[in-house]
Amino acid sequence: MASSTTDNSGCVTTRSMSELWLIGQTEPCLPQNVLPTYGQVLRTVLHNTKILKKQKTISYSVQQTVDDLLRIWSNARVPVALRQNIVTKMNALVDEYNLLKKNKGRCSATQSDRETVFKNKLSIIFDIADKDADRMIKIEEDRIFLTDQRGPRLMKMAGIDKNLTRQEERSRQRKEAEYERRKREQTRKAGEASVTVSTWQESGSESNDSMDSLDTDHDDYEIEIPVYYKKQVADSLKPHENEPKKPRILQTMLNSSDVSSTLDRINLSDRKFTVLAAAIARANGEDVGTGSLSRSTVHRKRSLHRSMIETDVREEFRTRSKSVAVIHWDGKIMENSTDKNNPKAATDRLAVVVSGLELEKMLGIIKIPSGTGEAQAHATMQLLLLWEVADDVIGMSFDTTSEVCYWCHKSSQ
């Protein structure tokens, strides 16, 4: 006779209802004394959608499972990757299972091999550790436990280390107390500076008689004026009517790479930004005539910022750690807006993207002389060499026959 159980929502379920193809029975929660495997994570994610059906969605179940997973890894004191990367990895696992399940009716050798590989994968740890976890872990026992979970999985967590937890709590309280003390000290210094400057200005504007009266009334209160504030107040009392105002906001806007990037995103021309910047400077009380503001100046600054941003983005991509990747490209005939003589003329453009585990990068959208396979292959290879990612590519994705013929021809050579 089939046994029945009642879950937390009050629904009565049988073993046949909670049975999942290829991975077995669902699990309402993750194990708390070990680092969960792929199979345990997948069975927990699918539990709500399988048992509760419409009451829970895959997205909701993934988020809840990630929360539980992060709590377990936190108890193990192992640094983990970013949450969004963990969500992406878990969604990829669910998609892989659904694809296998969709094709389970196929009796091909390829499908059988995929199912075998996936079943073997279920017993492996669902690793969400930070890439520098071995270096970041301070306690040797935690490092040994992580190594065991990645291998034979013989060790288990006995419980929370209360002594270490109390020690960490005391450390956290000390840091919070130190932060509050520094905050109070900064507030006190700011208040003293305000009182000092205000008292000095009032004493400078009053007569000697009123100063004598003030000293008489407050014999027990003495304020020492720092030299810095004396010079600052003296400079503020000097007349500045004949001195022209120095433009500051103009130079700040022209020298800001963020402003330049924003102008490119909203497609604002150099001439329009020149008019806008002049209006902002005048509203700020600056003399536009004393600064260097023209369409050519704005054009040079924006060109410089584009070059700097391009260099920074390429350097950041080049230095980051990359796993194997797949190159994608596709061409499209578009209007040639850069041709001033004939702006409605058509031209071929090629979009090239590289993707992989935690990697997705647009390498470029470039103009090519024609839409032939040779032209597209040549442009794609140039971008791979430019971004220094050619050695990491293990696969290609495209949708036209001409590219296939050309790449096969080049491979045979």
Protein backbone atom coordinates (compact mmCIF):
# COMPACT_ATOMS: atom_id res chain seq x y z
CA MET A 1 0.00 0.00 0.00
CA ALA A 2 1.33 3.44 -0.88
CA SER A 3 2.13 5.53 2.16
CA SER A 4 0.85 9.10 2.50
CA THR A 5 2.26 12.10 4.31
CA THR A 6 1.04 15.60 5.14
CA ASP A 7 3.34 18.54 4.33
CA ASN A 8 3.52 21.89 6.14
CA SER A 9 0.68 23.36 4.04
CA GLY A 10 -1.76 20.63 5.13
CA CYS A 11 -1.79 18.86 1.73
CA VAL A 12 -1.86 15.05 1.84
CA THR A 13 0.67 13.55 -0.57
CA THR A 14 1.72 10.03 -1.52
CA ARG A 15 5.12 8.79 -2.61
CA SER A 16 3.92 8.51 -6.19
CA MET A 17 2.83 12.17 -6.16
CA SER A 18 6.20 13.35 -4.90
CA GLU A 19 8.25 11.07 -7.17
CA LEU A 20 10.36 12.95 -9.75
CA TRP A 21 11.69 11.40 -12.93
CA LEU A 22 15.39 10.55 -12.72
CA ILE A 23 16.02 12.26 -9.34
CA GLY A 24 13.65 10.47 -6.96
CA GLN A 25 11.53 11.83 -4.11
CA THR A 26 11.18 15.57 -3.53
CA GLU A 27 12.67 17.12 -0.39
CA PRO A 28 10.79 19.89 1.49
CA CYS A 29 14.05 21.38 2.79
CA LEU A 30 17.81 21.11 2.40
CA PRO A 31 19.94 19.04 4.81
CA GLN A 32 21.35 21.24 7.56
CA ASN A 33 24.45 19.26 8.57
CA VAL A 34 26.19 19.02 5.17
CA LEU A 35 26.71 21.26 2.16
CA PRO A 36 23.88 20.27 -0.24
CA THR A 37 24.49 18.48 -3.53
CA TYR A 38 23.00 19.19 -6.96
CA GLY A 39 20.37 16.51 -6.39
CA GLN A 40 19.31 17.82 -2.98
CA VAL A 41 19.05 21.37 -4.31
CA LEU A 42 17.00 20.31 -7.35
CA ARG A 43 14.64 18.11 -5.30
CA THR A 44 14.03 21.01 -2.90
CA VAL A 45 13.45 23.55 -5.67
CA LEU A 46 10.91 21.29 -7.37
CA HIS A 47 9.16 20.30 -4.13
CA ASN A 48 6.85 23.32 -3.94
CA THR A 49 5.97 23.32 -7.63
CA LYS A 50 5.43 19.54 -7.64
CA ILE A 51 3.45 19.22 -4.38
CA LEU A 52 1.77 22.62 -4.05
CA LYS A 53 1.45 23.04 -7.82
CA LYS A 54 0.05 26.51 -8.58
CA GLN A 55 0.67 27.88 -5.09
CA LYS A 56 4.43 28.27 -5.75
CA THR A 57 6.35 29.20 -8.87
CA ILE A 58 9.83 28.09 -9.93
CA SER A 59 11.17 31.62 -9.43
CA TYR A 60 9.78 31.81 -5.88
CA SER A 61 11.03 28.33 -5.02
CA VAL A 62 14.52 29.18 -6.34
CA GLN A 63 14.67 32.32 -4.18
CA GLN A 64 13.58 30.42 -1.07
CA THR A 65 16.07 27.62 -1.74
CA VAL A 66 18.88 30.14 -2.24
CA ASP A 67 18.05 31.71 1.14
CA ASP A 68 18.19 28.30 2.83
CA LEU A 69 21.40 27.42 0.96
CA LEU A 70 23.13 30.64 2.02
CA ARG A 71 22.13 29.99 5.64
CA ILE A 72 23.73 26.52 5.55
CA TRP A 73 26.96 27.79 3.98
CA SER A 74 27.03 30.63 6.52
CA ASN A 75 26.84 28.08 9.35
CA ALA A 76 29.81 26.32 7.72
CA ARG A 77 31.64 29.70 7.71
CA VAL A 78 32.59 29.43 4.05
CA PRO A 79 32.63 32.63 1.94
CA VAL A 80 30.17 32.40 -0.96
CA ALA A 81 29.74 34.03 -4.38
CA LEU A 82 27.28 36.82 -5.16
CA ARG A 83 23.62 35.99 -4.68
CA GLN A 84 22.66 36.78 -8.28
CA ASN A 85 25.30 34.33 -9.52
CA ILE A 86 23.91 31.62 -7.25
CA VAL A 87 20.37 32.26 -8.55
CA THR A 88 21.65 32.04 -12.13
CA LYS A 89 23.42 28.74 -11.42
CA MET A 90 20.32 27.26 -9.77
CA ASN A 91 18.06 28.34 -12.65
CA ALA A 92 20.51 26.74 -15.10
CA LEU A 93 20.26 23.46 -13.14
CA VAL A 94 16.45 23.53 -13.33
CA ASP A 95 16.55 24.31 -17.07
CA GLU A 96 18.97 21.44 -17.67
CA TYR A 97 16.67 19.01 -15.86
CA ASN A 98 13.57 20.23 -17.71
CA LEU A 99 15.33 19.81 -21.06
CA LEU A 100 16.31 16.23 -20.22
CA LYS A 101 12.78 15.49 -19.04
CA LYS A 102 11.33 16.95 -22.23
CA ASN A 103 13.44 14.57 -24.34
CA LYS A 104 13.11 11.50 -22.10
CA GLY A 105 11.09 9.70 -24.78
CA ARG A 106 14.05 9.63 -27.14
CA CYS A 107 15.94 6.33 -27.30
CA SER A 108 19.17 7.71 -28.74
CA ALA A 109 22.64 7.12 -27.38
CA THR A 110 23.13 10.86 -26.91
CA GLN A 111 20.06 11.14 -24.67
CA SER A 112 21.18 8.12 -22.66
CA ASP A 113 24.65 9.59 -22.15
CA ARG A 114 23.19 12.91 -21.06
CA GLU A 115 20.96 11.23 -18.51
CA THR A 116 23.91 9.24 -17.14
CA VAL A 117 26.09 12.34 -16.82
CA PHE A 118 23.25 14.21 -15.11
CA LYS A 119 22.60 11.38 -12.62
CA ASN A 120 26.30 11.30 -11.69
CA LYS A 121 26.21 15.06 -11.24
CA LEU A 122 23.41 14.83 -8.65
CA SER A 123 25.76 13.48 -5.97
CA ILE A 124 28.30 16.31 -6.39
CA ILE A 125 28.27 19.34 -4.10
CA PHE A 126 26.36 22.37 -5.41
CA ASP A 127 29.44 24.56 -4.97
CA ILE A 128 28.71 28.27 -4.38
CA ALA A 129 31.99 29.09 -2.63
CA ASP A 130 33.85 32.26 -3.51
CA LYS A 131 36.70 31.71 -5.96
CA ASP A 132 39.15 32.84 -3.23
CA ALA A 133 37.43 30.89 -0.44
CA ASP A 134 40.53 28.83 0.43
CA ARG A 135 42.47 32.02 1.03
CA MET A 136 39.62 33.82 2.85
CA ILE A 137 38.83 31.01 5.32
CA LYS A 138 40.65 31.71 8.59
CA ILE A 139 39.87 28.51 10.53
CA GLU A 140 41.65 25.39 9.31
CA GLU A 141 38.78 23.07 10.33
CA ASP A 142 36.41 24.99 8.04
CA ARG A 143 38.87 24.64 5.15
CA ILE A 144 39.17 20.86 5.77
CA PHE A 145 35.36 20.55 5.90
CA LEU A 146 34.98 22.33 2.54
CA THR A 147 37.60 20.03 0.97
CA ASP A 148 35.76 16.97 2.34
CA GLN A 149 32.40 18.14 0.99
CA ARG A 150 33.93 18.58 -2.45
CA GLY A 151 35.28 15.03 -2.29
CA PRO A 152 34.27 11.98 -0.23
CA ARG A 153 31.67 13.89 1.91
CA LEU A 154 32.37 11.98 5.13
CA MET A 155 32.19 14.91 7.55
CA LYS A 156 29.08 16.56 8.99
CA MET A 157 28.41 19.75 10.90
CA ALA A 158 27.70 18.92 14.54
CA GLY A 159 26.09 22.29 15.26
CA ILE A 160 26.83 25.96 15.76
CA ASP A 161 30.07 26.75 17.59
CA LYS A 162 28.64 28.79 20.47
CA ASN A 163 32.03 30.02 21.69
CA LEU A 164 33.00 31.27 18.25
CA THR A 165 29.55 32.79 17.77
CA ARG A 166 29.84 34.71 21.05
CA GLN A 167 33.34 35.85 20.06
CA GLU A 168 32.10 37.11 16.70
CA GLU A 169 29.14 38.84 18.36
CA ARG A 170 31.47 40.65 20.77
CA SER A 171 33.67 41.67 17.84
CA ARG A 172 30.63 43.01 15.99
CA GLN A 173 29.48 44.95 19.05
CA ARG A 174 32.96 46.47 19.48
CA LYS A 175 32.99 47.58 15.84
CA GLU A 176 29.53 49.13 16.18
CA ALA A 177 30.54 50.92 19.38
CA GLU A 178 33.71 52.22 17.70
CA TYR A 179 31.67 53.46 14.74
CA GLU A 180 29.20 55.27 17.02
CA ARG A 181 32.06 56.82 19.01
CA ARG A 182 33.72 58.15 15.86
CA LYS A 183 30.38 59.48 14.62
CA ARG A 184 29.78 61.34 17.90
CA GLU A 185 33.32 62.72 17.81
CA GLN A 186 32.87 64.03 14.27
CA THR A 187 29.56 65.64 15.25
CA ARG A 188 31.18 67.24 18.29
CA LYS A 189 34.10 68.63 16.26
CA ALA A 190 31.73 69.99 13.62
CA GLY A 191 29.68 71.69 16.34
CA GLU A 192 32.79 73.20 17.95
CA ALA A 193 33.99 74.53 14.59
CA SER A 194 30.60 76.12 13.93
CA VAL A 195 30.50 77.75 17.36
CA THR A 196 34.09 78.98 17.00
CA VAL A 197 33.55 80.64 13.61
CA SER A 198 30.21 82.13 14.67
CA THR A 199 31.73 83.57 17.85
CA TRP A 200 34.68 85.05 15.94
CA GLN A 201 32.43 86.74 13.37
CA GLU A 202 30.20 88.20 16.07
CA SER A 203 33.17 89.46 18.04
CA GLY A 204 34.66 91.09 14.91
CA SER A 205 31.46 93.01 14.15
CA GLU A 206 30.84 94.28 17.69
CA SER A 207 32.47 97.26 19.31
CA ASN A 208 35.10 97.12 22.01
CA ASP A 209 32.52 98.10 24.62
CA SER A 210 30.24 95.19 23.81
CA MET A 211 33.30 92.88 23.81
CA ASP A 212 34.22 94.05 27.29
CA SER A 213 30.67 93.44 28.40
CA LEU A 214 30.75 89.96 26.92
CA ASP A 215 34.01 89.15 28.67
CA THR A 216 32.57 90.41 31.96
CA ASP A 217 29.44 88.28 31.69
CA HIS A 218 31.36 85.11 30.75
CA ASP A 219 34.56 85.20 32.75
CA ASP A 220 34.56 81.41 33.11
CA TYR A 221 34.10 80.72 29.35
CA GLU A 222 37.14 81.08 27.12
CA ILE A 223 37.35 80.23 23.39
CA GLU A 224 40.64 79.87 21.61
CA ILE A 225 40.37 80.69 17.90
CA PRO A 226 42.59 78.41 15.76
CA VAL A 227 44.87 80.15 13.28
CA TYR A 228 43.19 78.35 10.37
CA TYR A 229 39.76 79.74 11.25
CA LYS A 230 41.18 83.22 11.84
CA LYS A 231 42.64 83.24 8.32
CA GLN A 232 39.44 81.74 6.88
CA VAL A 233 37.24 84.38 8.51
CA ALA A 234 39.64 87.19 7.57
CA ASP A 235 39.58 86.08 3.93
CA SER A 236 35.79 85.91 3.96
CA LEU A 237 35.57 89.51 5.21
CA LYS A 238 37.71 90.90 2.37
CA PRO A 239 35.83 92.52 -0.54
CA HIS A 240 35.61 90.32 -3.61
CA GLU A 241 33.49 92.50 -5.88
CA ASN A 242 36.29 93.12 -8.37
CA GLU A 243 37.40 89.48 -8.57
CA PRO A 244 35.76 87.41 -11.32
CA LYS A 245 34.16 84.13 -10.30
CA LYS A 246 36.16 81.11 -11.36
CA PRO A 247 34.17 78.49 -13.28
CA ARG A 248 34.05 75.26 -11.36
CA ILE A 249 30.95 73.38 -12.40
CA LEU A 250 31.86 73.69 -16.09
CA GLN A 251 35.23 72.01 -15.60
CA THR A 252 33.63 69.38 -13.37
CA MET A 253 31.10 68.47 -16.05
CA LEU A 254 33.64 68.47 -18.86
CA ASN A 255 36.11 66.33 -16.88
CA SER A 256 33.50 63.80 -15.69
CA SER A 257 33.44 60.47 -17.50
CA ASP A 258 30.00 59.77 -15.99
CA VAL A 259 28.57 62.88 -17.65
CA SER A 260 30.16 61.87 -20.96
CA SER A 261 28.68 58.35 -20.74
CA THR A 262 25.25 59.77 -19.92
CA LEU A 263 25.38 62.07 -22.96
CA ASP A 264 26.13 59.07 -25.17
CA ARG A 265 23.30 57.02 -23.66
CA ILE A 266 20.68 59.76 -24.19
CA ASN A 267 22.15 60.59 -27.62
CA LEU A 268 22.69 64.31 -26.86
CA SER A 269 24.82 66.13 -29.44
CA ASP A 270 27.89 68.23 -28.62
CA ARG A 271 26.12 71.44 -29.66
CA LYS A 272 23.05 70.80 -27.50
CA PHE A 273 25.19 69.91 -24.48
CA THR A 274 27.18 73.13 -24.94
CA VAL A 275 23.97 75.16 -24.68
CA LEU A 276 22.78 73.10 -21.70
CA ALA A 277 26.12 73.37 -19.84
CA ALA A 278 26.19 77.15 -20.32
CA ALA A 279 22.67 77.46 -18.88
CA ILE A 280 23.59 75.30 -15.86
CA ALA A 281 26.73 77.38 -15.24
CA ARG A 282 24.80 80.66 -15.38
CA ALA A 283 22.16 79.27 -13.01
CA ASN A 284 25.02 78.39 -10.66
CA GLY A 285 26.23 81.99 -10.73
CA GLU A 286 29.37 81.36 -12.77
CA ASP A 287 30.77 83.60 -15.46
CA VAL A 288 30.70 81.55 -18.66
CA GLY A 289 32.94 84.05 -20.45
CA THR A 290 35.91 83.23 -18.21
CA GLY A 291 35.80 79.49 -18.98
CA SER A 292 36.58 77.40 -22.03
CA LEU A 293 33.25 76.19 -23.38
CA SER A 294 32.64 75.49 -27.06
CA ARG A 295 31.36 72.69 -29.26
CA SER A 296 34.90 71.66 -30.23
CA THR A 297 35.98 71.56 -26.56
CA VAL A 298 33.03 69.33 -25.69
CA HIS A 299 33.81 67.10 -28.68
CA ARG A 300 37.45 66.65 -27.63
CA LYS A 301 36.50 65.88 -24.03
CA ARG A 302 33.88 63.31 -25.03
CA SER A 303 36.29 61.62 -27.45
CA LEU A 304 38.91 61.43 -24.69
CA HIS A 305 36.43 59.94 -22.22
CA ARG A 306 35.24 57.35 -24.76
CA SER A 307 38.83 56.24 -25.34
CA MET A 308 39.53 56.01 -21.60
CA ILE A 309 36.32 54.10 -20.88
CA GLU A 310 37.03 51.69 -23.75
CA THR A 311 40.53 51.04 -22.40
CA ASP A 312 39.25 50.47 -18.86
CA VAL A 313 36.47 48.11 -19.96
CA ARG A 314 38.81 46.06 -22.15
CA GLU A 315 41.49 45.87 -19.43
CA GLU A 316 38.93 44.79 -16.83
CA PHE A 317 37.63 42.06 -19.14
CA ARG A 318 41.16 40.92 -20.03
CA THR A 319 42.28 40.56 -16.41
CA ARG A 320 39.19 38.79 -15.07
CA SER A 321 39.26 35.02 -14.74
CA LYS A 322 37.36 33.37 -17.62
CA SER A 323 36.29 29.78 -18.09
CA VAL A 324 35.51 28.20 -21.44
CA ALA A 325 33.22 30.26 -23.64
CA VAL A 326 30.98 30.11 -26.71
CA ILE A 327 31.10 32.78 -29.44
CA HIS A 328 27.81 33.96 -30.98
CA TRP A 329 27.39 36.20 -34.00
CA ASP A 330 24.69 37.32 -36.38
CA GLY A 331 24.54 39.87 -39.20
CA LYS A 332 21.86 42.34 -40.20
CA ILE A 333 21.43 44.86 -43.01
CA MET A 334 20.84 48.33 -41.52
CA GLU A 335 20.74 51.95 -42.65
CA ASN A 336 24.18 53.53 -42.84
CA SER A 337 23.56 56.59 -40.68
CA THR A 338 27.28 57.45 -40.70
CA ASP A 339 27.24 58.14 -44.45
CA LYS A 340 26.53 61.87 -44.66
CA ASN A 341 26.22 61.82 -48.45
CA ASN A 342 23.62 59.06 -48.48
CA PRO A 343 22.28 58.42 -44.93
CA LYS A 344 19.59 56.01 -46.20
CA ALA A 345 22.11 53.68 -47.81
CA ALA A 346 22.19 50.12 -46.46
CA THR A 347 25.21 48.44 -44.90
CA ASP A 348 25.99 45.10 -43.26
CA ARG A 349 26.61 45.08 -39.52
CA LEU A 350 27.73 42.15 -37.39
CA ALA A 351 26.98 41.66 -33.67
CA VAL A 352 29.45 39.41 -31.80
CA VAL A 353 28.81 38.11 -28.26
CA VAL A 354 30.83 35.74 -26.07
CA SER A 355 29.13 33.80 -23.25
CA GLY A 356 30.03 31.24 -20.64
CA LEU A 357 29.67 30.43 -16.94
CA GLU A 358 29.08 33.78 -15.21
CA LEU A 359 30.26 35.44 -18.42
CA GLU A 360 28.34 37.44 -21.01
CA LYS A 361 30.05 40.14 -23.05
CA MET A 362 29.20 42.06 -26.21
CA LEU A 363 32.51 42.25 -28.10
CA GLY A 364 31.24 44.64 -30.74
CA ILE A 365 28.69 45.63 -33.37
CA ILE A 366 30.82 46.44 -36.39
CA LYS A 367 30.35 47.36 -40.04
CA ILE A 368 31.55 44.75 -42.54
CA PRO A 369 32.02 45.13 -46.31
CA SER A 370 29.54 42.34 -47.12
CA GLY A 371 27.39 39.68 -45.51
CA THR A 372 29.41 36.73 -46.81
CA GLY A 373 30.66 33.98 -44.52
CA GLU A 374 34.27 34.98 -45.13
CA ALA A 375 33.64 38.61 -44.14
CA GLN A 376 31.72 37.61 -41.01
CA ALA A 377 34.32 35.02 -39.98
CA HIS A 378 37.18 37.46 -40.52
CA ALA A 379 35.46 40.20 -38.46
CA THR A 380 34.61 37.74 -35.67
CA MET A 381 38.20 36.51 -35.44
CA GLN A 382 39.50 40.09 -35.34
CA LEU A 383 37.25 40.85 -32.36
CA LEU A 384 38.34 37.65 -30.57
CA LEU A 385 41.98 38.63 -30.97
CA LEU A 386 41.28 42.22 -29.94
CA TRP A 387 39.62 41.15 -26.67
CA GLU A 388 42.19 38.33 -26.13
CA VAL A 389 39.51 35.66 -25.71
CA ALA A 390 40.24 33.45 -28.75
CA ASP A 391 42.00 30.75 -26.69
CA ASP A 392 38.98 30.42 -24.36
CA VAL A 393 36.41 29.70 -27.09
CA ILE A 394 35.31 26.06 -27.40
CA GLY A 395 32.14 26.50 -29.46
CA MET A 396 30.40 28.69 -32.04
CA SER A 397 26.74 29.70 -32.46
CA PHE A 398 25.34 31.11 -35.72
CA ASP A 399 22.36 30.59 -38.02
CA THR A 400 23.55 30.75 -41.65
CA THR A 401 25.09 28.11 -43.92
CA SER A 402 27.79 30.27 -45.49
CA GLU A 403 29.58 30.72 -42.18
CA VAL A 404 29.55 26.95 -41.64
CA CYS A 405 31.19 26.33 -44.99
CA TYR A 406 33.86 28.95 -44.48
CA TRP A 407 34.76 27.91 -40.91
CA CYS A 408 34.94 24.25 -41.97
CA HIS A 409 37.17 25.24 -44.89
CA LYS A 410 39.46 27.23 -42.58
CA SER A 411 39.54 24.39 -40.04
CA SER A 412 40.59 21.90 -42.72
CA GLN A 413 43.50 24.18 -43.69
